[in-house]
Amino acid sequence: MSAPAIRMFRRLEGLFCVYKPSGVHWKLVRDGIETNVLKGLNSTPSKPLPLEVRFSIPANCETEVPQGLTLSAASVPVLSKHHLVTGPDYQHIKVGVGHRLDVSSSGVLILALGHGNRTLGDFYKARVTRDYTLEGVFGSATDDFSHTGRVVERSTYGHITQDKLDKVLAMLQGANQKAMLMYSNIDMHSQEAYELAVKGLLGPDGKSQPILTGLRCIHFQPPNFTLEVQCLNETQKYLRKVVHEIGLELRSTAVCKGVRRTREGPFTLQDALLRHQWTPSDVQKAIEQYHLSKKRQRQSRSPTKDSASEDATTDSQQNETGNKNTAAGQIV
């Protein structure tokens, strides 16, 4: 029978996501999760110490000269296997990190434990998209495209309207959609391209340049504005540069005040664990919830296949019945 710590670790294998706050490096988040999980595993009751048989001379024989060799057998614990001697049972655990966030960014960060590290690789081969919320400010430009950088230019922004901003966003989105079709390496007039587009799997083949699949303004109050972005193969620095280029297209300047990831694949902000939830019990619940959602997705797809097979069976039965009736009519 396996130890409680081993059973607990098996329940902790899988994918989950946390909320990375701004100003914190992703390595600190990963190390914090690893420390908390190791503490939880090592705090579980350990296996009882193994016993060994030892032979000893009885105490009353030490003062008297024994006539013959008389030994007594006893089972005693093996102290060399005690955790105070060997150290904690779990001293290292691999915590995989998904698409990373830089120090200034915040939002959903996917992590993996145990066998989830293998699943993490397959997860990104499926070309998952990510959603971001970008906060921008018109009127200035910096050397690193963020509001904390060194200001290199200032400009006016009174001529900017939301209609003009929407036109620029539509132009950028159209250019990125053309780039996505170019990087897909698929003939757009083929049946394969149609089937991939219907399933929502049409995208770049392998690693490509950052692509914006969606771009819209959700808040406009000059000089502040907020964009909602869906993208592939992006970096946070590239997204800040996009805000800078939008300002140039509007005959002004703009800097990015905040980058927040709101979704990565099936993981959203509602699934992300906050700092006080980075405990083994909460991580276990998040992993179980992810496995449950995947199971529901598979079950939702299976009835479609079953109904299709039933329809095919019904059609074949109807065809057989029709053939029999035709044959009977010919005999008559």
C-alpha atoms as a PDB file:
ATOM      1  CA  MET A   1       0.000   0.000   0.000  1.00  0.00           C
ATOM      2  CA  SER A   2       1.394   3.410  -0.985  1.00  0.00           C
ATOM      3  CA  ALA A   3       2.212   6.076   1.569  1.00  0.00           C
ATOM      4  CA  PRO A   4      -0.202   9.008   2.139  1.00  0.00           C
ATOM      5  CA  ALA A   5       2.356  11.415   0.657  1.00  0.00           C
ATOM      6  CA  ILE A   6       2.548   9.352  -2.557  1.00  0.00           C
ATOM      7  CA  ARG A   7      -1.262   9.233  -2.863  1.00  0.00           C
ATOM      8  CA  MET A   8      -1.421  12.973  -2.304  1.00  0.00           C
ATOM      9  CA  PHE A   9       1.241  13.623  -4.948  1.00  0.00           C
ATOM     10  CA  ARG A  10      -0.661  11.530  -7.506  1.00  0.00           C
ATOM     11  CA  ARG A  11      -3.729  13.712  -6.959  1.00  0.00           C
ATOM     12  CA  LEU A  12      -1.551  16.787  -7.581  1.00  0.00           C
ATOM     13  CA  GLU A  13      -0.448  15.743 -11.080  1.00  0.00           C
ATOM     14  CA  GLY A  14      -1.918  17.901 -13.817  1.00  0.00           C
ATOM     15  CA  LEU A  15      -2.412  21.468 -15.075  1.00  0.00           C
ATOM     16  CA  PHE A  16      -3.710  24.475 -13.165  1.00  0.00           C
ATOM     17  CA  CYS A  17      -3.347  28.234 -13.321  1.00  0.00           C
ATOM     18  CA  VAL A  18      -2.539  31.007 -10.869  1.00  0.00           C
ATOM     19  CA  TYR A  19      -2.841  34.779 -10.947  1.00  0.00           C
ATOM     20  CA  LYS A  20       0.575  36.400 -11.283  1.00  0.00           C
ATOM     21  CA  PRO A  21       0.540  39.899  -9.823  1.00  0.00           C
ATOM     22  CA  SER A  22       2.360  42.770 -11.463  1.00  0.00           C
ATOM     23  CA  GLY A  23       5.871  43.450 -10.192  1.00  0.00           C
ATOM     24  CA  VAL A  24       6.570  39.774  -9.335  1.00  0.00           C
ATOM     25  CA  HIS A  25       8.849  37.594 -11.452  1.00  0.00           C
ATOM     26  CA  TRP A  26       7.330  34.360 -12.734  1.00  0.00           C
ATOM     27  CA  LYS A  27      10.204  32.386 -11.152  1.00  0.00           C
ATOM     28  CA  LEU A  28       9.143  33.603  -7.711  1.00  0.00           C
ATOM     29  CA  VAL A  29       5.608  32.397  -8.410  1.00  0.00           C
ATOM     30  CA  ARG A  30       6.851  28.974  -9.472  1.00  0.00           C
ATOM     31  CA  ASP A  31       9.207  28.701  -6.481  1.00  0.00           C
ATOM     32  CA  GLY A  32       6.398  29.693  -4.107  1.00  0.00           C
ATOM     33  CA  ILE A  33       4.119  26.993  -5.497  1.00  0.00           C
ATOM     34  CA  GLU A  34       6.920  24.422  -5.279  1.00  0.00           C
ATOM     35  CA  THR A  35       7.692  25.345  -1.647  1.00  0.00           C
ATOM     36  CA  ASN A  36       4.050  25.126  -0.581  1.00  0.00           C
ATOM     37  CA  VAL A  37       3.506  21.776  -2.317  1.00  0.00           C
ATOM     38  CA  LEU A  38       6.667  20.297  -0.777  1.00  0.00           C
ATOM     39  CA  LYS A  39       5.589  21.453   2.674  1.00  0.00           C
ATOM     40  CA  GLY A  40       2.183  19.854   2.199  1.00  0.00           C
ATOM     41  CA  LEU A  41       3.659  16.567   0.992  1.00  0.00           C
ATOM     42  CA  ASN A  42       6.222  16.361   3.792  1.00  0.00           C
ATOM     43  CA  SER A  43       3.632  17.205   6.452  1.00  0.00           C
ATOM     44  CA  THR A  44       1.540  14.126   5.645  1.00  0.00           C
ATOM     45  CA  PRO A  45       1.963  11.066   7.932  1.00  0.00           C
ATOM     46  CA  SER A  46       4.969   9.063   6.843  1.00  0.00           C
ATOM     47  CA  LYS A  47       5.315   5.302   6.678  1.00  0.00           C
ATOM     48  CA  PRO A  48       6.096   3.547   9.964  1.00  0.00           C
ATOM     49  CA  LEU A  49       9.743   2.734  10.440  1.00  0.00           C
ATOM     50  CA  PRO A  50      10.743  -0.734   9.240  1.00  0.00           C
ATOM     51  CA  LEU A  51      11.595  -3.278  11.933  1.00  0.00           C
ATOM     52  CA  GLU A  52      14.626  -5.504  12.211  1.00  0.00           C
ATOM     53  CA  VAL A  53      15.372  -8.425  14.494  1.00  0.00           C
ATOM     54  CA  ARG A  54      18.225  -7.990  16.950  1.00  0.00           C
ATOM     55  CA  PHE A  55      19.672 -10.537  19.360  1.00  0.00           C
ATOM     56  CA  SER A  56      20.911  -9.376  22.769  1.00  0.00           C
ATOM     57  CA  ILE A  57      22.190 -10.928  25.984  1.00  0.00           C
ATOM     58  CA  PRO A  58      19.658 -10.859  28.825  1.00  0.00           C
ATOM     59  CA  ALA A  59      20.349  -8.256  31.541  1.00  0.00           C
ATOM     60  CA  ASN A  60      20.651 -10.836  34.362  1.00  0.00           C
ATOM     61  CA  CYS A  61      23.435 -12.613  32.502  1.00  0.00           C
ATOM     62  CA  GLU A  62      25.770  -9.618  32.573  1.00  0.00           C
ATOM     63  CA  THR A  63      26.721 -10.111  36.264  1.00  0.00           C
ATOM     64  CA  GLU A  64      26.860 -13.894  36.190  1.00  0.00           C
ATOM     65  CA  VAL A  65      29.148 -16.072  34.162  1.00  0.00           C
ATOM     66  CA  PRO A  66      26.880 -17.771  31.629  1.00  0.00           C
ATOM     67  CA  GLN A  67      27.090 -21.489  31.404  1.00  0.00           C
ATOM     68  CA  GLY A  68      26.094 -21.315  27.748  1.00  0.00           C
ATOM     69  CA  LEU A  69      25.242 -18.693  25.157  1.00  0.00           C
ATOM     70  CA  THR A  70      21.758 -17.389  25.852  1.00  0.00           C
ATOM     71  CA  LEU A  71      20.367 -14.705  23.534  1.00  0.00           C
ATOM     72  CA  SER A  72      16.985 -13.014  23.340  1.00  0.00           C
ATOM     73  CA  ALA A  73      15.412 -11.810  20.073  1.00  0.00           C
ATOM     74  CA  ALA A  74      13.557  -8.511  19.766  1.00  0.00           C
ATOM     75  CA  SER A  75      12.099  -6.422  16.919  1.00  0.00           C
ATOM     76  CA  VAL A  76      13.363  -2.844  16.990  1.00  0.00           C
ATOM     77  CA  PRO A  77      12.797   0.062  14.530  1.00  0.00           C
ATOM     78  CA  VAL A  78      15.532   0.930  12.053  1.00  0.00           C
ATOM     79  CA  LEU A  79      16.493   4.423  13.182  1.00  0.00           C
ATOM     80  CA  SER A  80      18.648   4.975  10.091  1.00  0.00           C
ATOM     81  CA  LYS A  81      15.385   5.263   8.095  1.00  0.00           C
ATOM     82  CA  HIS A  82      13.969   7.991  10.355  1.00  0.00           C
ATOM     83  CA  HIS A  83      13.156  11.255   8.558  1.00  0.00           C
ATOM     84  CA  LEU A  84      15.320  13.159  11.041  1.00  0.00           C
ATOM     85  CA  VAL A  85      18.248  11.151   9.664  1.00  0.00           C
ATOM     86  CA  THR A  86      17.339  10.868   5.977  1.00  0.00           C
ATOM     87  CA  GLY A  87      15.707  14.295   5.681  1.00  0.00           C
ATOM     88  CA  PRO A  88      12.290  15.078   4.146  1.00  0.00           C
ATOM     89  CA  ASP A  89      10.840  12.498   1.749  1.00  0.00           C
ATOM     90  CA  TYR A  90      10.205  15.135  -0.927  1.00  0.00           C
ATOM     91  CA  GLN A  91      13.004  17.638  -1.459  1.00  0.00           C
ATOM     92  CA  HIS A  92      12.362  18.606  -5.083  1.00  0.00           C
ATOM     93  CA  ILE A  93       9.383  18.583  -7.420  1.00  0.00           C
ATOM     94  CA  LYS A  94       9.269  19.759 -11.019  1.00  0.00           C
ATOM     95  CA  VAL A  95       6.865  22.623 -11.572  1.00  0.00           C
ATOM     96  CA  GLY A  96       6.469  23.444 -15.273  1.00  0.00           C
ATOM     97  CA  VAL A  97       5.575  26.939 -16.449  1.00  0.00           C
ATOM     98  CA  GLY A  98       3.504  27.692 -19.526  1.00  0.00           C
ATOM     99  CA  HIS A  99       3.653  30.870 -21.622  1.00  0.00           C
ATOM    100  CA  ARG A 100       5.493  33.256 -19.339  1.00  0.00           C
ATOM    101  CA  LEU A 101       4.644  36.749 -18.200  1.00  0.00           C
ATOM    102  CA  ASP A 102       7.305  39.407 -17.656  1.00  0.00           C
ATOM    103  CA  VAL A 103       7.693  41.297 -14.388  1.00  0.00           C
ATOM    104  CA  SER A 104       5.443  44.226 -15.325  1.00  0.00           C
ATOM    105  CA  SER A 105       2.579  42.039 -16.582  1.00  0.00           C
ATOM    106  CA  SER A 106      -0.126  40.271 -14.604  1.00  0.00           C
ATOM    107  CA  GLY A 107      -2.832  37.703 -15.149  1.00  0.00           C
ATOM    108  CA  VAL A 108      -3.270  34.007 -15.895  1.00  0.00           C
ATOM    109  CA  LEU A 109      -0.135  31.856 -15.636  1.00  0.00           C
ATOM    110  CA  ILE A 110      -0.397  28.114 -16.333  1.00  0.00           C
ATOM    111  CA  LEU A 111       1.652  25.707 -14.212  1.00  0.00           C
ATOM    112  CA  ALA A 112       2.099  21.925 -14.354  1.00  0.00           C
ATOM    113  CA  LEU A 113       2.924  19.292 -11.736  1.00  0.00           C
ATOM    114  CA  GLY A 114       4.145  15.726 -12.263  1.00  0.00           C
ATOM    115  CA  HIS A 115       2.815  14.141 -15.471  1.00  0.00           C
ATOM    116  CA  GLY A 116       1.197  17.488 -16.242  1.00  0.00           C
ATOM    117  CA  ASN A 117       4.556  18.625 -17.630  1.00  0.00           C
ATOM    118  CA  ARG A 118       4.091  16.228 -20.558  1.00  0.00           C
ATOM    119  CA  THR A 119       0.539  17.448 -21.035  1.00  0.00           C
ATOM    120  CA  LEU A 120       1.826  21.033 -21.072  1.00  0.00           C
ATOM    121  CA  GLY A 121       3.847  20.364 -24.234  1.00  0.00           C
ATOM    122  CA  ASP A 122       0.851  18.865 -26.024  1.00  0.00           C
ATOM    123  CA  PHE A 123      -1.258  21.760 -24.784  1.00  0.00           C
ATOM    124  CA  TYR A 124       0.787  24.332 -26.732  1.00  0.00           C
ATOM    125  CA  LYS A 125       1.058  22.214 -29.873  1.00  0.00           C
ATOM    126  CA  ALA A 126      -2.686  22.815 -30.268  1.00  0.00           C
ATOM    127  CA  ARG A 127      -2.023  26.538 -30.976  1.00  0.00           C
ATOM    128  CA  VAL A 128      -3.988  27.952 -28.060  1.00  0.00           C
ATOM    129  CA  THR A 129      -4.890  31.622 -28.230  1.00  0.00           C
ATOM    130  CA  ARG A 130      -4.525  34.087 -25.380  1.00  0.00           C
ATOM    131  CA  ASP A 131      -6.582  37.127 -24.398  1.00  0.00           C
ATOM    132  CA  TYR A 132      -5.081  40.309 -22.998  1.00  0.00           C
ATOM    133  CA  THR A 133      -6.319  43.610 -21.708  1.00  0.00           C
ATOM    134  CA  LEU A 134      -4.030  46.502 -22.633  1.00  0.00           C
ATOM    135  CA  GLU A 135      -4.292  49.871 -20.908  1.00  0.00           C
ATOM    136  CA  GLY A 136      -2.897  52.733 -22.965  1.00  0.00           C
ATOM    137  CA  VAL A 137      -2.360  56.465 -22.526  1.00  0.00           C
ATOM    138  CA  PHE A 138      -2.115  58.961 -25.389  1.00  0.00           C
ATOM    139  CA  GLY A 139       0.240  61.928 -25.385  1.00  0.00           C
ATOM    140  CA  SER A 140       3.752  60.550 -24.811  1.00  0.00           C
ATOM    141  CA  ALA A 141       6.266  57.999 -26.081  1.00  0.00           C
ATOM    142  CA  THR A 142       8.982  56.205 -24.108  1.00  0.00           C
ATOM    143  CA  ASP A 143      12.058  54.185 -24.984  1.00  0.00           C
ATOM    144  CA  ASP A 144      10.510  50.844 -23.871  1.00  0.00           C
ATOM    145  CA  PHE A 145       6.862  51.606 -24.849  1.00  0.00           C
ATOM    146  CA  SER A 146       5.729  51.486 -21.182  1.00  0.00           C
ATOM    147  CA  HIS A 147       4.645  54.332 -18.906  1.00  0.00           C
ATOM    148  CA  THR A 148       7.678  53.754 -16.640  1.00  0.00           C
ATOM    149  CA  GLY A 149      10.258  54.251 -19.400  1.00  0.00           C
ATOM    150  CA  ARG A 150      12.216  57.338 -20.310  1.00  0.00           C
ATOM    151  CA  VAL A 151      10.009  59.860 -22.148  1.00  0.00           C
ATOM    152  CA  VAL A 152      11.382  60.604 -25.624  1.00  0.00           C
ATOM    153  CA  GLU A 153       8.445  62.513 -27.147  1.00  0.00           C
ATOM    154  CA  ARG A 154       5.240  64.287 -26.204  1.00  0.00           C
ATOM    155  CA  SER A 155       2.305  65.093 -28.479  1.00  0.00           C
ATOM    156  CA  THR A 156      -1.295  66.233 -28.533  1.00  0.00           C
ATOM    157  CA  TYR A 157      -4.221  63.849 -28.633  1.00  0.00           C
ATOM    158  CA  GLY A 158      -7.318  66.079 -28.783  1.00  0.00           C
ATOM    159  CA  HIS A 159      -7.991  65.133 -32.414  1.00  0.00           C
ATOM    160  CA  ILE A 160      -8.331  61.409 -31.611  1.00  0.00           C
ATOM    161  CA  THR A 161     -11.880  60.001 -31.560  1.00  0.00           C
ATOM    162  CA  GLN A 162     -13.107  56.479 -30.929  1.00  0.00           C
ATOM    163  CA  ASP A 163     -14.164  56.126 -34.576  1.00  0.00           C
ATOM    164  CA  LYS A 164     -10.623  56.884 -35.713  1.00  0.00           C
ATOM    165  CA  LEU A 165      -9.258  54.440 -33.163  1.00  0.00           C
ATOM    166  CA  ASP A 166     -11.664  51.707 -34.322  1.00  0.00           C
ATOM    167  CA  LYS A 167     -10.586  52.208 -37.943  1.00  0.00           C
ATOM    168  CA  VAL A 168      -6.931  51.768 -37.014  1.00  0.00           C
ATOM    169  CA  LEU A 169      -7.747  48.642 -34.999  1.00  0.00           C
ATOM    170  CA  ALA A 170      -9.717  47.167 -37.914  1.00  0.00           C
ATOM    171  CA  MET A 171      -6.798  47.855 -40.262  1.00  0.00           C
ATOM    172  CA  LEU A 172      -4.332  46.132 -37.911  1.00  0.00           C
ATOM    173  CA  GLN A 173      -6.633  43.142 -37.426  1.00  0.00           C
ATOM    174  CA  GLY A 174      -7.074  42.722 -41.191  1.00  0.00           C
ATOM    175  CA  ALA A 175      -3.315  42.802 -41.772  1.00  0.00           C
ATOM    176  CA  ASN A 176      -2.748  40.201 -39.056  1.00  0.00           C
ATOM    177  CA  GLN A 177      -5.442  37.900 -40.457  1.00  0.00           C
ATOM    178  CA  LYS A 178      -3.695  37.955 -43.826  1.00  0.00           C
ATOM    179  CA  ALA A 179      -0.410  37.133 -42.079  1.00  0.00           C
ATOM    180  CA  MET A 180      -2.058  34.205 -40.266  1.00  0.00           C
ATOM    181  CA  LEU A 181      -3.248  32.745 -43.576  1.00  0.00           C
ATOM    182  CA  MET A 182       0.221  33.194 -45.046  1.00  0.00           C
ATOM    183  CA  TYR A 183       1.943  31.408 -42.122  1.00  0.00           C
ATOM    184  CA  SER A 184      -0.575  28.535 -42.170  1.00  0.00           C
ATOM    185  CA  ASN A 185       1.057  27.066 -45.334  1.00  0.00           C
ATOM    186  CA  ILE A 186      -2.311  25.735 -46.505  1.00  0.00           C
ATOM    187  CA  ASP A 187      -4.049  26.383 -49.822  1.00  0.00           C
ATOM    188  CA  MET A 188      -7.017  28.589 -48.956  1.00  0.00           C
ATOM    189  CA  HIS A 189      -9.027  27.068 -51.834  1.00  0.00           C
ATOM    190  CA  SER A 190      -8.644  23.500 -50.528  1.00  0.00           C
ATOM    191  CA  GLN A 191     -11.056  21.324 -48.554  1.00  0.00           C
ATOM    192  CA  GLU A 192      -8.484  21.052 -45.767  1.00  0.00           C
ATOM    193  CA  ALA A 193      -8.493  24.808 -45.223  1.00  0.00           C
ATOM    194  CA  TYR A 194     -12.304  24.805 -45.078  1.00  0.00           C
ATOM    195  CA  GLU A 195     -12.435  22.003 -42.506  1.00  0.00           C
ATOM    196  CA  LEU A 196      -9.774  23.652 -40.315  1.00  0.00           C
ATOM    197  CA  ALA A 197     -11.586  26.995 -40.486  1.00  0.00           C
ATOM    198  CA  VAL A 198     -14.877  25.355 -39.437  1.00  0.00           C
ATOM    199  CA  LYS A 199     -13.199  23.731 -36.428  1.00  0.00           C
ATOM    200  CA  GLY A 200     -11.368  26.953 -35.524  1.00  0.00           C
ATOM    201  CA  LEU A 201      -7.963  25.304 -35.986  1.00  0.00           C
ATOM    202  CA  LEU A 202      -6.715  27.413 -38.868  1.00  0.00           C
ATOM    203  CA  GLY A 203      -3.500  29.048 -37.716  1.00  0.00           C
ATOM    204  CA  PRO A 204       0.236  29.370 -38.267  1.00  0.00           C
ATOM    205  CA  ASP A 205       2.174  26.178 -38.879  1.00  0.00           C
ATOM    206  CA  GLY A 206       4.771  25.999 -36.087  1.00  0.00           C
ATOM    207  CA  LYS A 207       6.498  29.025 -34.639  1.00  0.00           C
ATOM    208  CA  SER A 208       5.697  32.280 -36.404  1.00  0.00           C
ATOM    209  CA  GLN A 209       5.691  35.993 -35.837  1.00  0.00           C
ATOM    210  CA  PRO A 210       3.181  37.340 -33.269  1.00  0.00           C
ATOM    211  CA  ILE A 211      -0.314  37.415 -34.746  1.00  0.00           C
ATOM    212  CA  LEU A 212      -3.307  39.395 -33.479  1.00  0.00           C
ATOM    213  CA  THR A 213      -6.463  37.387 -34.184  1.00  0.00           C
ATOM    214  CA  GLY A 214      -8.776  39.924 -32.503  1.00  0.00           C
ATOM    215  CA  LEU A 215      -8.486  43.576 -31.526  1.00  0.00           C
ATOM    216  CA  ARG A 216     -11.131  45.950 -30.188  1.00  0.00           C
ATOM    217  CA  CYS A 217     -11.513  48.960 -27.905  1.00  0.00           C
ATOM    218  CA  ILE A 218     -13.570  48.346 -24.767  1.00  0.00           C
ATOM    219  CA  HIS A 219     -12.982  51.712 -23.050  1.00  0.00           C
ATOM    220  CA  PHE A 220     -12.208  55.136 -24.507  1.00  0.00           C
ATOM    221  CA  GLN A 221     -11.798  58.227 -22.353  1.00  0.00           C
ATOM    222  CA  PRO A 222      -8.850  60.309 -23.646  1.00  0.00           C
ATOM    223  CA  PRO A 223      -6.055  60.201 -22.841  1.00  0.00           C
ATOM    224  CA  ASN A 224      -6.846  56.747 -21.425  1.00  0.00           C
ATOM    225  CA  PHE A 225      -8.093  53.827 -23.480  1.00  0.00           C
ATOM    226  CA  THR A 226      -8.337  50.042 -23.017  1.00  0.00           C
ATOM    227  CA  LEU A 227      -7.945  47.371 -25.676  1.00  0.00           C
ATOM    228  CA  GLU A 228      -8.972  43.723 -25.689  1.00  0.00           C
ATOM    229  CA  VAL A 229      -6.597  41.558 -27.717  1.00  0.00           C
ATOM    230  CA  GLN A 230      -6.620  37.905 -28.847  1.00  0.00           C
ATOM    231  CA  CYS A 231      -3.258  36.726 -30.125  1.00  0.00           C
ATOM    232  CA  LEU A 232      -0.811  33.904 -30.909  1.00  0.00           C
ATOM    233  CA  ASN A 233       2.964  33.624 -30.344  1.00  0.00           C
ATOM    234  CA  GLU A 234       3.082  37.033 -28.690  1.00  0.00           C
ATOM    235  CA  THR A 235       5.305  38.584 -26.066  1.00  0.00           C
ATOM    236  CA  GLN A 236       4.330  41.326 -23.653  1.00  0.00           C
ATOM    237  CA  LYS A 237       6.955  43.626 -25.173  1.00  0.00           C
ATOM    238  CA  TYR A 238       5.352  43.146 -28.590  1.00  0.00           C
ATOM    239  CA  LEU A 239       1.920  44.075 -27.193  1.00  0.00           C
ATOM    240  CA  ARG A 240       3.349  47.281 -25.722  1.00  0.00           C
ATOM    241  CA  LYS A 241       4.843  48.062 -29.108  1.00  0.00           C
ATOM    242  CA  VAL A 242       1.400  47.567 -30.695  1.00  0.00           C
ATOM    243  CA  VAL A 243       0.014  50.307 -28.424  1.00  0.00           C
ATOM    244  CA  HIS A 244       2.902  52.548 -29.493  1.00  0.00           C
ATOM    245  CA  GLU A 245       2.211  51.902 -33.193  1.00  0.00           C
ATOM    246  CA  ILE A 246      -1.498  52.630 -32.712  1.00  0.00           C
ATOM    247  CA  GLY A 247      -0.552  56.039 -31.363  1.00  0.00           C
ATOM    248  CA  LEU A 248       1.640  56.710 -34.410  1.00  0.00           C
ATOM    249  CA  GLU A 249      -1.146  55.686 -36.813  1.00  0.00           C
ATOM    250  CA  LEU A 250      -3.402  58.236 -35.112  1.00  0.00           C
ATOM    251  CA  ARG A 251      -0.813  61.028 -35.646  1.00  0.00           C
ATOM    252  CA  SER A 252       0.007  61.037 -31.959  1.00  0.00           C
ATOM    253  CA  THR A 253       1.922  58.928 -29.427  1.00  0.00           C
ATOM    254  CA  ALA A 254       0.873  56.365 -26.836  1.00  0.00           C
ATOM    255  CA  VAL A 255       2.389  54.262 -24.077  1.00  0.00           C
ATOM    256  CA  CYS A 256       1.170  51.049 -22.482  1.00  0.00           C
ATOM    257  CA  LYS A 257       0.257  51.421 -18.820  1.00  0.00           C
ATOM    258  CA  GLY A 258      -0.676  47.807 -18.109  1.00  0.00           C
ATOM    259  CA  VAL A 259      -0.727  44.316 -19.649  1.00  0.00           C
ATOM    260  CA  ARG A 260      -3.086  41.779 -18.141  1.00  0.00           C
ATOM    261  CA  ARG A 261      -3.670  38.268 -19.462  1.00  0.00           C
ATOM    262  CA  THR A 262      -7.302  37.275 -18.993  1.00  0.00           C
ATOM    263  CA  ARG A 263      -7.383  33.901 -20.759  1.00  0.00           C
ATOM    264  CA  GLU A 264      -4.992  31.237 -21.998  1.00  0.00           C
ATOM    265  CA  GLY A 265      -6.666  28.384 -23.804  1.00  0.00           C
ATOM    266  CA  PRO A 266      -9.415  27.020 -21.504  1.00  0.00           C
ATOM    267  CA  PHE A 267      -8.024  28.801 -18.413  1.00  0.00           C
ATOM    268  CA  THR A 268      -9.583  32.131 -17.438  1.00  0.00           C
ATOM    269  CA  LEU A 269      -9.310  34.567 -14.546  1.00  0.00           C
ATOM    270  CA  GLN A 270     -12.095  32.692 -12.739  1.00  0.00           C
ATOM    271  CA  ASP A 271      -9.872  29.580 -12.680  1.00  0.00           C
ATOM    272  CA  ALA A 272      -6.735  31.380 -11.453  1.00  0.00           C
ATOM    273  CA  LEU A 273      -5.609  30.822  -7.860  1.00  0.00           C
ATOM    274  CA  LEU A 274      -4.786  33.959  -5.867  1.00  0.00           C
ATOM    275  CA  ARG A 275      -1.757  34.297  -3.623  1.00  0.00           C
ATOM    276  CA  HIS A 276      -3.521  33.013  -0.498  1.00  0.00           C
ATOM    277  CA  GLN A 277      -4.754  29.992  -2.484  1.00  0.00           C
ATOM    278  CA  TRP A 278      -1.326  28.659  -3.417  1.00  0.00           C
ATOM    279  CA  THR A 279      -1.781  25.695  -1.064  1.00  0.00           C
ATOM    280  CA  PRO A 280      -1.727  21.947  -1.840  1.00  0.00           C
ATOM    281  CA  SER A 281      -5.466  21.582  -1.148  1.00  0.00           C
ATOM    282  CA  ASP A 282      -6.453  24.456  -3.464  1.00  0.00           C
ATOM    283  CA  VAL A 283      -4.023  23.277  -6.155  1.00  0.00           C
ATOM    284  CA  GLN A 284      -5.554  19.795  -5.943  1.00  0.00           C
ATOM    285  CA  LYS A 285      -9.070  21.215  -6.355  1.00  0.00           C
ATOM    286  CA  ALA A 286      -7.970  23.282  -9.369  1.00  0.00           C
ATOM    287  CA  ILE A 287      -6.388  20.242 -11.047  1.00  0.00           C
ATOM    288  CA  GLU A 288      -9.498  18.138 -10.379  1.00  0.00           C
ATOM    289  CA  GLN A 289     -11.657  20.892 -11.861  1.00  0.00           C
ATOM    290  CA  TYR A 290      -9.511  20.939 -15.007  1.00  0.00           C
ATOM    291  CA  HIS A 291      -9.763  17.147 -15.381  1.00  0.00           C
ATOM    292  CA  LEU A 292     -13.532  17.365 -14.857  1.00  0.00           C
ATOM    293  CA  SER A 293     -13.921  20.031 -17.546  1.00  0.00           C
ATOM    294  CA  LYS A 294     -11.930  17.940 -20.028  1.00  0.00           C
ATOM    295  CA  LYS A 295     -14.092  14.912 -19.232  1.00  0.00           C
ATOM    296  CA  ARG A 296     -17.228  16.958 -19.879  1.00  0.00           C
ATOM    297  CA  GLN A 297     -15.842  18.104 -23.220  1.00  0.00           C
ATOM    298  CA  ARG A 298     -15.213  14.512 -24.284  1.00  0.00           C
ATOM    299  CA  GLN A 299     -18.693  13.494 -23.176  1.00  0.00           C
ATOM    300  CA  SER A 300     -20.256  16.393 -25.055  1.00  0.00           C
ATOM    301  CA  ARG A 301     -18.536  15.259 -28.245  1.00  0.00           C
ATOM    302  CA  SER A 302     -19.412  11.572 -27.910  1.00  0.00           C
ATOM    303  CA  PRO A 303     -23.248  11.962 -28.203  1.00  0.00           C
ATOM    304  CA  THR A 304     -22.726  13.631 -31.572  1.00  0.00           C
ATOM    305  CA  LYS A 305     -20.804  10.610 -32.809  1.00  0.00           C
ATOM    306  CA  ASP A 306     -23.373   8.217 -31.320  1.00  0.00           C
ATOM    307  CA  SER A 307     -26.269  10.045 -32.931  1.00  0.00           C
ATOM    308  CA  ALA A 308     -24.452  10.049 -36.266  1.00  0.00           C
ATOM    309  CA  SER A 309     -23.888   6.290 -36.029  1.00  0.00           C
ATOM    310  CA  GLU A 310     -27.554   5.768 -35.068  1.00  0.00           C
ATOM    311  CA  ASP A 311     -28.680   7.836 -38.046  1.00  0.00           C
ATOM    312  CA  ALA A 312     -26.442   5.789 -40.322  1.00  0.00           C
ATOM    313  CA  THR A 313     -27.852   2.542 -38.878  1.00  0.00           C
ATOM    314  CA  THR A 314     -31.430   3.775 -39.339  1.00  0.00           C
ATOM    315  CA  ASP A 315     -30.695   4.768 -42.938  1.00  0.00           C
ATOM    316  CA  SER A 316     -29.167   1.373 -43.679  1.00  0.00           C
ATOM    317  CA  GLN A 317     -32.178  -0.408 -42.137  1.00  0.00           C
ATOM    318  CA  GLN A 318     -34.564   1.705 -44.177  1.00  0.00           C
ATOM    319  CA  ASN A 319     -32.590   0.935 -47.340  1.00  0.00           C
ATOM    320  CA  GLU A 320     -32.686  -2.796 -46.575  1.00  0.00           C
ATOM    321  CA  THR A 321     -36.459  -2.627 -45.987  1.00  0.00           C
ATOM    322  CA  GLY A 322     -36.951  -0.783 -49.236  1.00  0.00           C
ATOM    323  CA  ASN A 323     -34.862  -3.317 -51.141  1.00  0.00           C
ATOM    324  CA  LYS A 324     -36.906  -6.212 -49.669  1.00  0.00           C
ATOM    325  CA  ASN A 325     -40.188  -4.537 -50.641  1.00  0.00           C
ATOM    326  CA  THR A 326     -38.891  -3.952 -54.153  1.00  0.00           C
ATOM    327  CA  ALA A 327     -37.816  -7.574 -54.462  1.00  0.00           C
ATOM    328  CA  ALA A 328     -41.205  -8.807 -53.193  1.00  0.00           C
ATOM    329  CA  GLY A 329     -42.987  -6.657 -55.720  1.00  0.00           C
ATOM    330  CA  GLN A 330     -40.889  -8.089 -58.531  1.00  0.00           C
ATOM    331  CA  ILE A 331     -41.692 -11.674 -57.438  1.00  0.00           C
ATOM    332  CA  VAL A 332     -45.402 -10.969 -57.408  1.00  0.00           C
END
